[in-house]
Structure formats: C-alpha cells, structure tokens
Amino acid sequence: RQSRANIGIVPQELNIDAFFTPRETLDMMAGLFGVPK
C-alpha cells in the first residue's frame, strides 16, 4: 500500500466516471488515498 502511495499512474484507457465532475473526481480520489480535506 505504501509503495502504491508513492506512485501515480495515468492509464492508457480513458476511465472517467461520466456522472462525476472533475472536481468531484479529484476529491473522491483524494479521499480514497486518505488525504484530509
């Protein structure tokens, strides 16, 4: 888990959630990584 936290990966596939805004998407990802608001 720590090794994955040391890296950010941009995949080749455009795996974007259609019903989230960019702001919500980034906030969601930050929350999943445990970054405080």
PDB file of all heavy atoms in Angstrom:
ATOM      1  N   ARG A   1       0.823  -1.211   0.000  1.00  0.00           N
ATOM      2  CA  ARG A   1       0.000   0.000   0.000  1.00  0.00           C
ATOM      3  C   ARG A   1       0.858   1.263   0.000  1.00  0.00           C
ATOM      4  O   ARG A   1       0.546   2.234  -0.677  1.00  0.00           O
ATOM      5  CB  ARG A   1      -0.971  -0.027   1.175  1.00  0.00           C
ATOM      6  CG  ARG A   1      -2.040  -1.105   1.031  1.00  0.00           C
ATOM      7  CD  ARG A   1      -3.075  -1.031   2.140  1.00  0.00           C
ATOM      8  NE  ARG A   1      -4.120  -2.011   1.919  1.00  0.00           N
ATOM      9  CZ  ARG A   1      -4.104  -3.253   2.382  1.00  0.00           C
ATOM     10  NH1 ARG A   1      -3.086  -3.654   3.105  1.00  0.00           N
ATOM     11  NH2 ARG A   1      -5.105  -4.077   2.126  1.00  0.00           N
ATOM     12  N   GLN A   2       1.936   1.236   0.789  1.00  0.00           N
ATOM     13  CA  GLN A   2       2.801   2.410   0.791  1.00  0.00           C
ATOM     14  C   GLN A   2       3.510   2.567  -0.556  1.00  0.00           C
ATOM     15  O   GLN A   2       3.679   3.680  -1.057  1.00  0.00           O
ATOM     16  CB  GLN A   2       3.840   2.312   1.911  1.00  0.00           C
ATOM     17  CG  GLN A   2       4.752   3.537   2.022  1.00  0.00           C
ATOM     18  CD  GLN A   2       3.976   4.809   2.311  1.00  0.00           C
ATOM     19  OE1 GLN A   2       3.224   4.888   3.270  1.00  0.00           O
ATOM     20  NE2 GLN A   2       4.158   5.817   1.457  1.00  0.00           N
ATOM     21  N   SER A   3       3.898   1.463  -1.161  1.00  0.00           N
ATOM     22  CA  SER A   3       4.565   1.554  -2.463  1.00  0.00           C
ATOM     23  C   SER A   3       3.615   2.127  -3.511  1.00  0.00           C
ATOM     24  O   SER A   3       4.026   2.907  -4.374  1.00  0.00           O
ATOM     25  CB  SER A   3       5.085   0.180  -2.901  1.00  0.00           C
ATOM     26  OG  SER A   3       4.027  -0.708  -3.187  1.00  0.00           O
ATOM     27  N   ARG A   4       2.336   1.774  -3.435  1.00  0.00           N
ATOM     28  CA  ARG A   4       1.367   2.333  -4.383  1.00  0.00           C
ATOM     29  C   ARG A   4       1.100   3.803  -4.093  1.00  0.00           C
ATOM     30  O   ARG A   4       0.789   4.575  -4.999  1.00  0.00           O
ATOM     31  CB  ARG A   4       0.062   1.543  -4.326  1.00  0.00           C
ATOM     32  CG  ARG A   4       0.182   0.132  -4.865  1.00  0.00           C
ATOM     33  CD  ARG A   4      -1.113  -0.628  -4.692  1.00  0.00           C
ATOM     34  NE  ARG A   4      -0.874  -2.061  -4.677  1.00  0.00           N
ATOM     35  CZ  ARG A   4      -1.772  -2.967  -4.343  1.00  0.00           C
ATOM     36  NH1 ARG A   4      -2.993  -2.582  -4.008  1.00  0.00           N
ATOM     37  NH2 ARG A   4      -1.479  -4.252  -4.347  1.00  0.00           N
ATOM     38  N   ALA A   5       1.199   4.181  -2.834  1.00  0.00           N
ATOM     39  CA  ALA A   5       1.019   5.589  -2.490  1.00  0.00           C
ATOM     40  C   ALA A   5       2.183   6.434  -2.987  1.00  0.00           C
ATOM     41  O   ALA A   5       2.048   7.649  -3.123  1.00  0.00           O
ATOM     42  CB  ALA A   5       0.879   5.745  -0.971  1.00  0.00           C
ATOM     43  N   ASN A   6       3.317   5.792  -3.271  1.00  0.00           N
ATOM     44  CA  ASN A   6       4.491   6.509  -3.759  1.00  0.00           C
ATOM     45  C   ASN A   6       4.434   6.783  -5.257  1.00  0.00           C
ATOM     46  O   ASN A   6       5.356   7.398  -5.793  1.00  0.00           O
ATOM     47  CB  ASN A   6       5.765   5.707  -3.462  1.00  0.00           C
ATOM     48  CG  ASN A   6       6.062   5.622  -1.985  1.00  0.00           C
ATOM     49  OD1 ASN A   6       5.532   6.388  -1.182  1.00  0.00           O
ATOM     50  ND2 ASN A   6       6.904   4.686  -1.597  1.00  0.00           N
ATOM     51  N   ILE A   7       3.384   6.326  -5.907  1.00  0.00           N
ATOM     52  CA  ILE A   7       3.340   6.405  -7.361  1.00  0.00           C
ATOM     53  C   ILE A   7       1.956   6.819  -7.827  1.00  0.00           C
ATOM     54  O   ILE A   7       0.945   6.471  -7.214  1.00  0.00           O
ATOM     55  CB  ILE A   7       3.739   5.032  -7.961  1.00  0.00           C
ATOM     56  CG1 ILE A   7       4.078   5.142  -9.444  1.00  0.00           C
ATOM     57  CG2 ILE A   7       2.666   3.989  -7.733  1.00  0.00           C
ATOM     58  CD1 ILE A   7       4.713   3.875  -9.997  1.00  0.00           C
ATOM     59  N   GLY A   8       1.914   7.608  -8.880  1.00  0.00           N
ATOM     60  CA  GLY A   8       0.658   7.956  -9.527  1.00  0.00           C
ATOM     61  C   GLY A   8       0.693   7.434 -10.954  1.00  0.00           C
ATOM     62  O   GLY A   8       1.676   7.657 -11.663  1.00  0.00           O
ATOM     63  N   ILE A   9      -0.351   6.726 -11.359  1.00  0.00           N
ATOM     64  CA  ILE A   9      -0.354   6.090 -12.675  1.00  0.00           C
ATOM     65  C   ILE A   9      -1.476   6.653 -13.530  1.00  0.00           C
ATOM     66  O   ILE A   9      -2.640   6.696 -13.114  1.00  0.00           O
ATOM     67  CB  ILE A   9      -0.490   4.561 -12.546  1.00  0.00           C
ATOM     68  CG1 ILE A   9       0.754   3.996 -11.843  1.00  0.00           C
ATOM     69  CG2 ILE A   9      -0.687   3.902 -13.907  1.00  0.00           C
ATOM     70  CD1 ILE A   9       0.759   2.503 -11.678  1.00  0.00           C
ATOM     71  N   VAL A  10      -1.109   7.109 -14.720  1.00  0.00           N
ATOM     72  CA  VAL A  10      -2.079   7.596 -15.705  1.00  0.00           C
ATOM     73  C   VAL A  10      -2.264   6.483 -16.736  1.00  0.00           C
ATOM     74  O   VAL A  10      -1.375   6.247 -17.553  1.00  0.00           O
ATOM     75  CB  VAL A  10      -1.585   8.880 -16.391  1.00  0.00           C
ATOM     76  CG1 VAL A  10      -2.610   9.365 -17.409  1.00  0.00           C
ATOM     77  CG2 VAL A  10      -1.300   9.965 -15.355  1.00  0.00           C
ATOM     78  N   PRO A  11      -3.391   5.774 -16.708  1.00  0.00           N
ATOM     79  CA  PRO A  11      -3.567   4.643 -17.620  1.00  0.00           C
ATOM     80  C   PRO A  11      -3.815   5.097 -19.051  1.00  0.00           C
ATOM     81  O   PRO A  11      -4.153   6.258 -19.313  1.00  0.00           O
ATOM     82  CB  PRO A  11      -4.794   3.924 -17.046  1.00  0.00           C
ATOM     83  CG  PRO A  11      -5.576   5.011 -16.381  1.00  0.00           C
ATOM     84  CD  PRO A  11      -4.560   5.976 -15.840  1.00  0.00           C
ATOM     85  N   GLN A  12      -3.656   4.163 -19.962  1.00  0.00           N
ATOM     86  CA  GLN A  12      -3.896   4.468 -21.366  1.00  0.00           C
ATOM     87  C   GLN A  12      -5.387   4.614 -21.649  1.00  0.00           C
ATOM     88  O   GLN A  12      -5.797   5.432 -22.467  1.00  0.00           O
ATOM     89  CB  GLN A  12      -3.305   3.350 -22.231  1.00  0.00           C
ATOM     90  CG  GLN A  12      -3.379   3.601 -23.723  1.00  0.00           C
ATOM     91  CD  GLN A  12      -2.673   2.515 -24.510  1.00  0.00           C
ATOM     92  OE1 GLN A  12      -1.972   1.685 -23.959  1.00  0.00           O
ATOM     93  NE2 GLN A  12      -2.861   2.521 -25.810  1.00  0.00           N
ATOM     94  N   GLU A  13      -6.213   3.853 -20.926  1.00  0.00           N
ATOM     95  CA  GLU A  13      -7.654   3.899 -21.138  1.00  0.00           C
ATOM     96  C   GLU A  13      -8.247   5.139 -20.480  1.00  0.00           C
ATOM     97  O   GLU A  13      -7.816   5.547 -19.403  1.00  0.00           O
ATOM     98  CB  GLU A  13      -8.331   2.646 -20.577  1.00  0.00           C
ATOM     99  CG  GLU A  13      -7.880   1.341 -21.215  1.00  0.00           C
ATOM    100  CD  GLU A  13      -6.545   0.854 -20.697  1.00  0.00           C
ATOM    101  OE1 GLU A  13      -6.072   1.404 -19.671  1.00  0.00           O
ATOM    102  OE2 GLU A  13      -5.960  -0.040 -21.311  1.00  0.00           O
ATOM    103  N   LEU A  14      -9.246   5.722 -21.113  1.00  0.00           N
ATOM    104  CA  LEU A  14      -9.924   6.896 -20.561  1.00  0.00           C
ATOM    105  C   LEU A  14     -11.016   6.437 -19.595  1.00  0.00           C
ATOM    106  O   LEU A  14     -12.199   6.426 -19.913  1.00  0.00           O
ATOM    107  CB  LEU A  14     -10.525   7.740 -21.686  1.00  0.00           C
ATOM    108  CG  LEU A  14      -9.518   8.452 -22.598  1.00  0.00           C
ATOM    109  CD1 LEU A  14     -10.228   9.114 -23.763  1.00  0.00           C
ATOM    110  CD2 LEU A  14      -8.726   9.493 -21.811  1.00  0.00           C
ATOM    111  N   ASN A  15     -10.605   6.030 -18.397  1.00  0.00           N
ATOM    112  CA  ASN A  15     -11.560   5.511 -17.415  1.00  0.00           C
ATOM    113  C   ASN A  15     -12.075   6.646 -16.527  1.00  0.00           C
ATOM    114  O   ASN A  15     -11.677   6.808 -15.389  1.00  0.00           O
ATOM    115  CB  ASN A  15     -10.926   4.390 -16.580  1.00  0.00           C
ATOM    116  CG  ASN A  15      -9.599   4.807 -15.972  1.00  0.00           C
ATOM    117  OD1 ASN A  15      -9.128   5.909 -16.200  1.00  0.00           O
ATOM    118  ND2 ASN A  15      -9.003   3.933 -15.188  1.00  0.00           N
ATOM    119  N   ILE A  16     -12.972   7.429 -17.109  1.00  0.00           N
ATOM    120  CA  ILE A  16     -13.553   8.583 -16.420  1.00  0.00           C
ATOM    121  C   ILE A  16     -15.009   8.279 -16.084  1.00  0.00           C
ATOM    122  O   ILE A  16     -15.753   7.743 -16.912  1.00  0.00           O
ATOM    123  CB  ILE A  16     -13.484   9.843 -17.305  1.00  0.00           C
ATOM    124  CG1 ILE A  16     -12.038  10.160 -17.678  1.00  0.00           C
ATOM    125  CG2 ILE A  16     -14.128  11.029 -16.612  1.00  0.00           C
ATOM    126  CD1 ILE A  16     -11.163  10.530 -16.513  1.00  0.00           C
ATOM    127  N   ASP A  17     -15.421   8.624 -14.853  1.00  0.00           N
ATOM    128  CA  ASP A  17     -16.801   8.425 -14.437  1.00  0.00           C
ATOM    129  C   ASP A  17     -17.676   9.526 -15.039  1.00  0.00           C
ATOM    130  O   ASP A  17     -17.494  10.714 -14.754  1.00  0.00           O
ATOM    131  CB  ASP A  17     -16.911   8.456 -12.920  1.00  0.00           C
ATOM    132  CG  ASP A  17     -16.159   7.292 -12.288  1.00  0.00           C
ATOM    133  OD1 ASP A  17     -16.722   6.198 -12.239  1.00  0.00           O
ATOM    134  OD2 ASP A  17     -15.004   7.500 -11.888  1.00  0.00           O
ATOM    135  N   ALA A  18     -18.627   9.127 -15.862  1.00  0.00           N
ATOM    136  CA  ALA A  18     -19.397  10.082 -16.650  1.00  0.00           C
ATOM    137  C   ALA A  18     -20.229  11.028 -15.805  1.00  0.00           C
ATOM    138  O   ALA A  18     -20.486  12.168 -16.211  1.00  0.00           O
ATOM    139  CB  ALA A  18     -20.302   9.328 -17.632  1.00  0.00           C
ATOM    140  N   PHE A  19     -20.675  10.597 -14.608  1.00  0.00           N
ATOM    141  CA  PHE A  19     -21.607  11.392 -13.813  1.00  0.00           C
ATOM    142  C   PHE A  19     -20.930  12.089 -12.634  1.00  0.00           C
ATOM    143  O   PHE A  19     -21.589  12.536 -11.706  1.00  0.00           O
ATOM    144  CB  PHE A  19     -22.767  10.517 -13.333  1.00  0.00           C
ATOM    145  CG  PHE A  19     -23.614  10.018 -14.466  1.00  0.00           C
ATOM    146  CD1 PHE A  19     -23.440   8.741 -14.963  1.00  0.00           C
ATOM    147  CD2 PHE A  19     -24.554  10.840 -15.065  1.00  0.00           C
ATOM    148  CE1 PHE A  19     -24.205   8.280 -16.019  1.00  0.00           C
ATOM    149  CE2 PHE A  19     -25.322  10.386 -16.122  1.00  0.00           C
ATOM    150  CZ  PHE A  19     -25.156   9.103 -16.605  1.00  0.00           C
ATOM    151  N   PHE A  20     -19.616  12.168 -12.664  1.00  0.00           N
ATOM    152  CA  PHE A  20     -18.870  12.960 -11.695  1.00  0.00           C
ATOM    153  C   PHE A  20     -18.243  14.139 -12.422  1.00  0.00           C
ATOM    154  O   PHE A  20     -17.787  14.009 -13.561  1.00  0.00           O
ATOM    155  CB  PHE A  20     -17.766  12.137 -11.029  1.00  0.00           C
ATOM    156  CG  PHE A  20     -18.249  11.213  -9.957  1.00  0.00           C
ATOM    157  CD1 PHE A  20     -18.888  10.023 -10.278  1.00  0.00           C
ATOM    158  CD2 PHE A  20     -18.072  11.520  -8.614  1.00  0.00           C
ATOM    159  CE1 PHE A  20     -19.335   9.167  -9.298  1.00  0.00           C
ATOM    160  CE2 PHE A  20     -18.513  10.665  -7.629  1.00  0.00           C
ATOM    161  CZ  PHE A  20     -19.152   9.489  -7.962  1.00  0.00           C
ATOM    162  N   THR A  21     -18.199  15.274 -11.773  1.00  0.00           N
ATOM    163  CA  THR A  21     -17.488  16.415 -12.333  1.00  0.00           C
ATOM    164  C   THR A  21     -15.995  16.228 -12.075  1.00  0.00           C
ATOM    165  O   THR A  21     -15.600  15.438 -11.212  1.00  0.00           O
ATOM    166  CB  THR A  21     -17.959  17.724 -11.675  1.00  0.00           C
ATOM    167  OG1 THR A  21     -17.557  17.729 -10.298  1.00  0.00           O
ATOM    168  CG2 THR A  21     -19.475  17.877 -11.788  1.00  0.00           C
ATOM    169  N   PRO A  22     -15.129  16.950 -12.791  1.00  0.00           N
ATOM    170  CA  PRO A  22     -13.702  16.865 -12.497  1.00  0.00           C
ATOM    171  C   PRO A  22     -13.374  17.174 -11.041  1.00  0.00           C
ATOM    172  O   PRO A  22     -12.536  16.505 -10.434  1.00  0.00           O
ATOM    173  CB  PRO A  22     -13.095  17.915 -13.442  1.00  0.00           C
ATOM    174  CG  PRO A  22     -14.003  17.899 -14.622  1.00  0.00           C
ATOM    175  CD  PRO A  22     -15.386  17.718 -14.040  1.00  0.00           C
ATOM    176  N   ARG A  23     -14.046  18.169 -10.463  1.00  0.00           N
ATOM    177  CA  ARG A  23     -13.785  18.491  -9.057  1.00  0.00           C
ATOM    178  C   ARG A  23     -14.167  17.330  -8.144  1.00  0.00           C
ATOM    179  O   ARG A  23     -13.414  16.956  -7.237  1.00  0.00           O
ATOM    180  CB  ARG A  23     -14.572  19.746  -8.657  1.00  0.00           C
ATOM    181  CG  ARG A  23     -14.198  20.282  -7.273  1.00  0.00           C
ATOM    182  CD  ARG A  23     -15.130  21.410  -6.850  1.00  0.00           C
ATOM    183  NE  ARG A  23     -15.207  22.462  -7.845  1.00  0.00           N
ATOM    184  CZ  ARG A  23     -14.295  23.411  -7.995  1.00  0.00           C
ATOM    185  NH1 ARG A  23     -13.239  23.433  -7.201  1.00  0.00           N
ATOM    186  NH2 ARG A  23     -14.450  24.340  -8.922  1.00  0.00           N
ATOM    187  N   GLU A  24     -15.324  16.731  -8.389  1.00  0.00           N
ATOM    188  CA  GLU A  24     -15.761  15.594  -7.578  1.00  0.00           C
ATOM    189  C   GLU A  24     -14.844  14.391  -7.780  1.00  0.00           C
ATOM    190  O   GLU A  24     -14.548  13.661  -6.832  1.00  0.00           O
ATOM    191  CB  GLU A  24     -17.195  15.217  -7.930  1.00  0.00           C
ATOM    192  CG  GLU A  24     -18.233  16.253  -7.506  1.00  0.00           C
ATOM    193  CD  GLU A  24     -19.608  15.970  -8.096  1.00  0.00           C
ATOM    194  OE1 GLU A  24     -19.694  15.279  -9.141  1.00  0.00           O
ATOM    195  OE2 GLU A  24     -20.597  16.454  -7.512  1.00  0.00           O
ATOM    196  N   THR A  25     -14.389  14.195  -9.005  1.00  0.00           N
ATOM    197  CA  THR A  25     -13.492  13.079  -9.290  1.00  0.00           C
ATOM    198  C   THR A  25     -12.199  13.204  -8.512  1.00  0.00           C
ATOM    199  O   THR A  25     -11.724  12.239  -7.892  1.00  0.00           O
ATOM    200  CB  THR A  25     -13.193  13.013 -10.798  1.00  0.00           C
ATOM    201  OG1 THR A  25     -14.404  12.768 -11.520  1.00  0.00           O
ATOM    202  CG2 THR A  25     -12.205  11.906 -11.108  1.00  0.00           C
ATOM    203  N   LEU A  26     -11.604  14.389  -8.517  1.00  0.00           N
ATOM    204  CA  LEU A  26     -10.349  14.591  -7.794  1.00  0.00           C
ATOM    205  C   LEU A  26     -10.558  14.481  -6.291  1.00  0.00           C
ATOM    206  O   LEU A  26      -9.717  13.909  -5.581  1.00  0.00           O
ATOM    207  CB  LEU A  26      -9.745  15.950  -8.156  1.00  0.00           C
ATOM    208  CG  LEU A  26      -9.342  16.151  -9.619  1.00  0.00           C
ATOM    209  CD1 LEU A  26      -8.605  17.481  -9.781  1.00  0.00           C
ATOM    210  CD2 LEU A  26      -8.484  15.012 -10.126  1.00  0.00           C
ATOM    211  N   ASP A  27     -11.667  15.027  -5.790  1.00  0.00           N
ATOM    212  CA  ASP A  27     -11.951  14.920  -4.359  1.00  0.00           C
ATOM    213  C   ASP A  27     -12.151  13.466  -3.946  1.00  0.00           C
ATOM    214  O   ASP A  27     -11.701  13.041  -2.873  1.00  0.00           O
ATOM    215  CB  ASP A  27     -13.193  15.738  -3.993  1.00  0.00           C
ATOM    216  CG  ASP A  27     -12.869  17.194  -3.682  1.00  0.00           C
ATOM    217  OD1 ASP A  27     -11.702  17.461  -3.322  1.00  0.00           O
ATOM    218  OD2 ASP A  27     -13.755  18.045  -3.808  1.00  0.00           O
ATOM    219  N   MET A  28     -12.849  12.704  -4.792  1.00  0.00           N
ATOM    220  CA  MET A  28     -13.075  11.300  -4.493  1.00  0.00           C
ATOM    221  C   MET A  28     -11.759  10.526  -4.438  1.00  0.00           C
ATOM    222  O   MET A  28     -11.497   9.751  -3.515  1.00  0.00           O
ATOM    223  CB  MET A  28     -14.003  10.686  -5.538  1.00  0.00           C
ATOM    224  CG  MET A  28     -14.297   9.209  -5.331  1.00  0.00           C
ATOM    225  SD  MET A  28     -15.345   8.916  -3.895  1.00  0.00           S
ATOM    226  CE  MET A  28     -16.914   9.536  -4.516  1.00  0.00           C
ATOM    227  N   MET A  29     -10.902  10.746  -5.429  1.00  0.00           N
ATOM    228  CA  MET A  29      -9.620  10.060  -5.453  1.00  0.00           C
ATOM    229  C   MET A  29      -8.759  10.453  -4.258  1.00  0.00           C
ATOM    230  O   MET A  29      -8.094   9.610  -3.650  1.00  0.00           O
ATOM    231  CB  MET A  29      -8.881  10.374  -6.757  1.00  0.00           C
ATOM    232  CG  MET A  29      -9.439   9.682  -7.991  1.00  0.00           C
ATOM    233  SD  MET A  29      -9.413   7.874  -7.882  1.00  0.00           S
ATOM    234  CE  MET A  29      -7.654   7.559  -7.855  1.00  0.00           C
ATOM    235  N   ALA A  30      -8.768  11.734  -3.904  1.00  0.00           N
ATOM    236  CA  ALA A  30      -8.003  12.175  -2.737  1.00  0.00           C
ATOM    237  C   ALA A  30      -8.518  11.507  -1.472  1.00  0.00           C
ATOM    238  O   ALA A  30      -7.739  11.103  -0.603  1.00  0.00           O
ATOM    239  CB  ALA A  30      -8.080  13.700  -2.612  1.00  0.00           C
ATOM    240  N   GLY A  31      -9.854  11.361  -1.365  1.00  0.00           N
ATOM    241  CA  GLY A  31     -10.425  10.690  -0.208  1.00  0.00           C
ATOM    242  C   GLY A  31     -10.026   9.235  -0.133  1.00  0.00           C
ATOM    243  O   GLY A  31      -9.721   8.704   0.936  1.00  0.00           O
ATOM    244  N   LEU A  32      -9.992   8.563  -1.290  1.00  0.00           N
ATOM    245  CA  LEU A  32      -9.608   7.156  -1.305  1.00  0.00           C
ATOM    246  C   LEU A  32      -8.152   6.962  -0.914  1.00  0.00           C
ATOM    247  O   LEU A  32      -7.779   5.914  -0.385  1.00  0.00           O
ATOM    248  CB  LEU A  32      -9.876   6.555  -2.692  1.00  0.00           C
ATOM    249  CG  LEU A  32     -11.355   6.469  -3.092  1.00  0.00           C
ATOM    250  CD1 LEU A  32     -11.502   6.017  -4.523  1.00  0.00           C
ATOM    251  CD2 LEU A  32     -12.112   5.530  -2.165  1.00  0.00           C
ATOM    252  N   PHE A  33      -7.324   7.960  -1.189  1.00  0.00           N
ATOM    253  CA  PHE A  33      -5.933   7.903  -0.765  1.00  0.00           C
ATOM    254  C   PHE A  33      -5.751   8.436   0.658  1.00  0.00           C
ATOM    255  O   PHE A  33      -4.626   8.503   1.153  1.00  0.00           O
ATOM    256  CB  PHE A  33      -5.040   8.687  -1.725  1.00  0.00           C
ATOM    257  CG  PHE A  33      -4.586   7.895  -2.913  1.00  0.00           C
ATOM    258  CD1 PHE A  33      -5.170   8.077  -4.146  1.00  0.00           C
ATOM    259  CD2 PHE A  33      -3.579   6.945  -2.796  1.00  0.00           C
ATOM    260  CE1 PHE A  33      -4.767   7.345  -5.246  1.00  0.00           C
ATOM    261  CE2 PHE A  33      -3.171   6.207  -3.885  1.00  0.00           C
ATOM    262  CZ  PHE A  33      -3.759   6.401  -5.117  1.00  0.00           C
ATOM    263  N   GLY A  34      -6.836   8.831   1.313  1.00  0.00           N
ATOM    264  CA  GLY A  34      -6.756   9.261   2.700  1.00  0.00           C
ATOM    265  C   GLY A  34      -6.227  10.656   2.897  1.00  0.00           C
ATOM    266  O   GLY A  34      -5.736  10.992   3.974  1.00  0.00           O
ATOM    267  N   VAL A  35      -6.315  11.494   1.874  1.00  0.00           N
ATOM    268  CA  VAL A  35      -5.839  12.869   2.019  1.00  0.00           C
ATOM    269  C   VAL A  35      -6.912  13.685   2.733  1.00  0.00           C
ATOM    270  O   VAL A  35      -8.037  13.784   2.240  1.00  0.00           O
ATOM    271  CB  VAL A  35      -5.537  13.502   0.642  1.00  0.00           C
ATOM    272  CG1 VAL A  35      -4.940  14.900   0.830  1.00  0.00           C
ATOM    273  CG2 VAL A  35      -4.602  12.619  -0.166  1.00  0.00           C
ATOM    274  N   PRO A  36      -6.641  14.267   3.893  1.00  0.00           N
ATOM    275  CA  PRO A  36      -7.650  15.078   4.589  1.00  0.00           C
ATOM    276  C   PRO A  36      -8.125  16.232   3.718  1.00  0.00           C
ATOM    277  O   PRO A  36      -7.377  16.775   2.900  1.00  0.00           O
ATOM    278  CB  PRO A  36      -6.886  15.592   5.821  1.00  0.00           C
ATOM    279  CG  PRO A  36      -5.768  14.629   6.017  1.00  0.00           C
ATOM    280  CD  PRO A  36      -5.374  14.179   4.647  1.00  0.00           C
ATOM    281  N   LYS A  37      -9.378  16.624   3.902  1.00  0.00           N
ATOM    282  CA  LYS A  37      -9.951  17.690   3.075  1.00  0.00           C
ATOM    283  C   LYS A  37      -9.150  18.978   3.160  1.00  0.00           C
ATOM    284  O   LYS A  37      -8.983  19.689   2.168  1.00  0.00           O
ATOM    285  CB  LYS A  37     -11.397  17.948   3.497  1.00  0.00           C
ATOM    286  CG  LYS A  37     -12.370  16.850   3.067  1.00  0.00           C
ATOM    287  CD  LYS A  37     -13.804  17.250   3.362  1.00  0.00           C
ATOM    288  CE  LYS A  37     -14.780  16.195   2.845  1.00  0.00           C
ATOM    289  NZ  LYS A  37     -16.192  16.557   3.092  1.00  0.00           N
TER     290      LYS A  37
END
